[in-house]
Amino acid sequence: MPNGSEVFITGFTSWDNHNIQVPIYQQNVKKMLEAEGSFKCTLTILDTDSSVTRSSYMSYGFLTVLPFTVIVHKGA
């Protein structure tokens, strides 16, 4: 987050006709709207069906890591 803190969100993907879909739900978007600014984010897709936590996610095989940026404007 722009104030230096971190938001760790887990979720599940769906696979449809060679396309991966990653829904970002409203409650998770609200976590990112708490501060105005630019967020450097990473979507990491892991090779597991297990429950993943912030402390355990490095223990799994990564299928892909995709960086992206979210910009939150004042009044969002």
Protein backbone atom coordinates (compact mmCIF):
# COMPACT_ATOMS: atom_id res chain seq x y z
CA MET A 1 0.00 0.00 0.00
CA PRO A 2 1.17 3.56 -0.45
CA ASN A 3 1.79 3.88 3.31
CA GLY A 4 4.21 0.93 3.22
CA SER A 5 1.90 -1.70 4.66
CA GLU A 6 1.03 -4.90 2.84
CA VAL A 7 -2.28 -6.47 1.83
CA PHE A 8 -2.20 -10.24 1.26
CA ILE A 9 -5.31 -11.63 -0.42
CA THR A 10 -5.91 -15.25 -1.34
CA GLY A 11 -8.40 -16.55 -3.86
CA PHE A 12 -9.11 -19.24 -6.38
CA THR A 13 -8.78 -19.14 -10.12
CA SER A 14 -10.94 -20.72 -12.77
CA TRP A 15 -9.72 -22.25 -16.00
CA ASP A 16 -11.94 -21.92 -19.06
CA ASN A 17 -10.84 -22.66 -22.63
CA HIS A 18 -7.18 -21.93 -21.82
CA ASN A 19 -8.05 -18.66 -20.06
CA ILE A 20 -7.41 -18.06 -16.37
CA GLN A 21 -9.91 -15.92 -14.48
CA VAL A 22 -9.06 -14.38 -11.12
CA PRO A 23 -12.03 -12.64 -9.49
CA ILE A 24 -11.23 -9.79 -7.11
CA TYR A 25 -14.18 -9.46 -4.77
CA GLN A 26 -15.61 -6.22 -3.38
CA GLN A 27 -14.37 -6.77 0.19
CA ASN A 28 -10.80 -7.17 -1.12
CA VAL A 29 -11.06 -4.08 -3.31
CA LYS A 30 -12.19 -2.11 -0.24
CA LYS A 31 -8.94 -3.09 1.50
CA MET A 32 -7.00 -1.41 -1.31
CA LEU A 33 -9.20 1.71 -1.29
CA GLU A 34 -8.23 2.62 2.27
CA ALA A 35 -5.34 4.76 1.05
CA GLU A 36 -4.98 7.07 -1.94
CA GLY A 37 -1.97 6.43 -4.15
CA SER A 38 -0.29 3.88 -6.36
CA PHE A 39 -0.13 0.21 -5.36
CA LYS A 40 2.53 -2.11 -6.76
CA CYS A 41 0.80 -5.49 -6.88
CA THR A 42 1.71 -9.02 -7.84
CA LEU A 43 -0.64 -11.79 -8.88
CA THR A 44 1.03 -15.10 -8.07
CA ILE A 45 -0.59 -18.30 -9.30
CA LEU A 46 0.52 -21.32 -7.29
CA ASP A 47 0.50 -25.02 -8.13
CA THR A 48 -1.63 -26.19 -5.19
CA ASP A 49 -5.15 -26.88 -4.02
CA SER A 50 -4.10 -26.34 -0.41
CA SER A 51 -5.06 -23.41 1.77
CA VAL A 52 -2.36 -20.76 1.38
CA THR A 53 -1.30 -18.15 3.96
CA ARG A 54 1.12 -15.23 3.88
CA SER A 55 3.69 -17.31 5.76
CA SER A 56 3.28 -20.47 3.63
CA TYR A 57 2.88 -19.28 0.05
CA MET A 58 6.61 -19.46 -0.74
CA SER A 59 6.47 -23.22 -0.04
CA TYR A 60 4.49 -23.94 -3.21
CA GLY A 61 5.48 -24.07 -6.86
CA PHE A 62 4.77 -20.86 -8.76
CA LEU A 63 3.02 -21.23 -12.12
CA THR A 64 3.32 -17.53 -12.91
CA VAL A 65 3.98 -14.18 -11.27
CA LEU A 66 2.34 -11.16 -12.89
CA PRO A 67 3.09 -7.61 -11.66
CA PHE A 68 0.47 -4.88 -12.06
CA THR A 69 -0.29 -1.44 -10.65
CA VAL A 70 -3.50 -0.15 -9.06
CA ILE A 71 -3.96 3.61 -8.76
CA VAL A 72 -6.48 4.83 -6.18
CA HIS A 73 -7.69 8.39 -6.69
CA LYS A 74 -9.02 10.66 -3.99
CA GLY A 75 -12.70 9.98 -3.36
CA ALA A 76 -12.60 6.44 -4.80
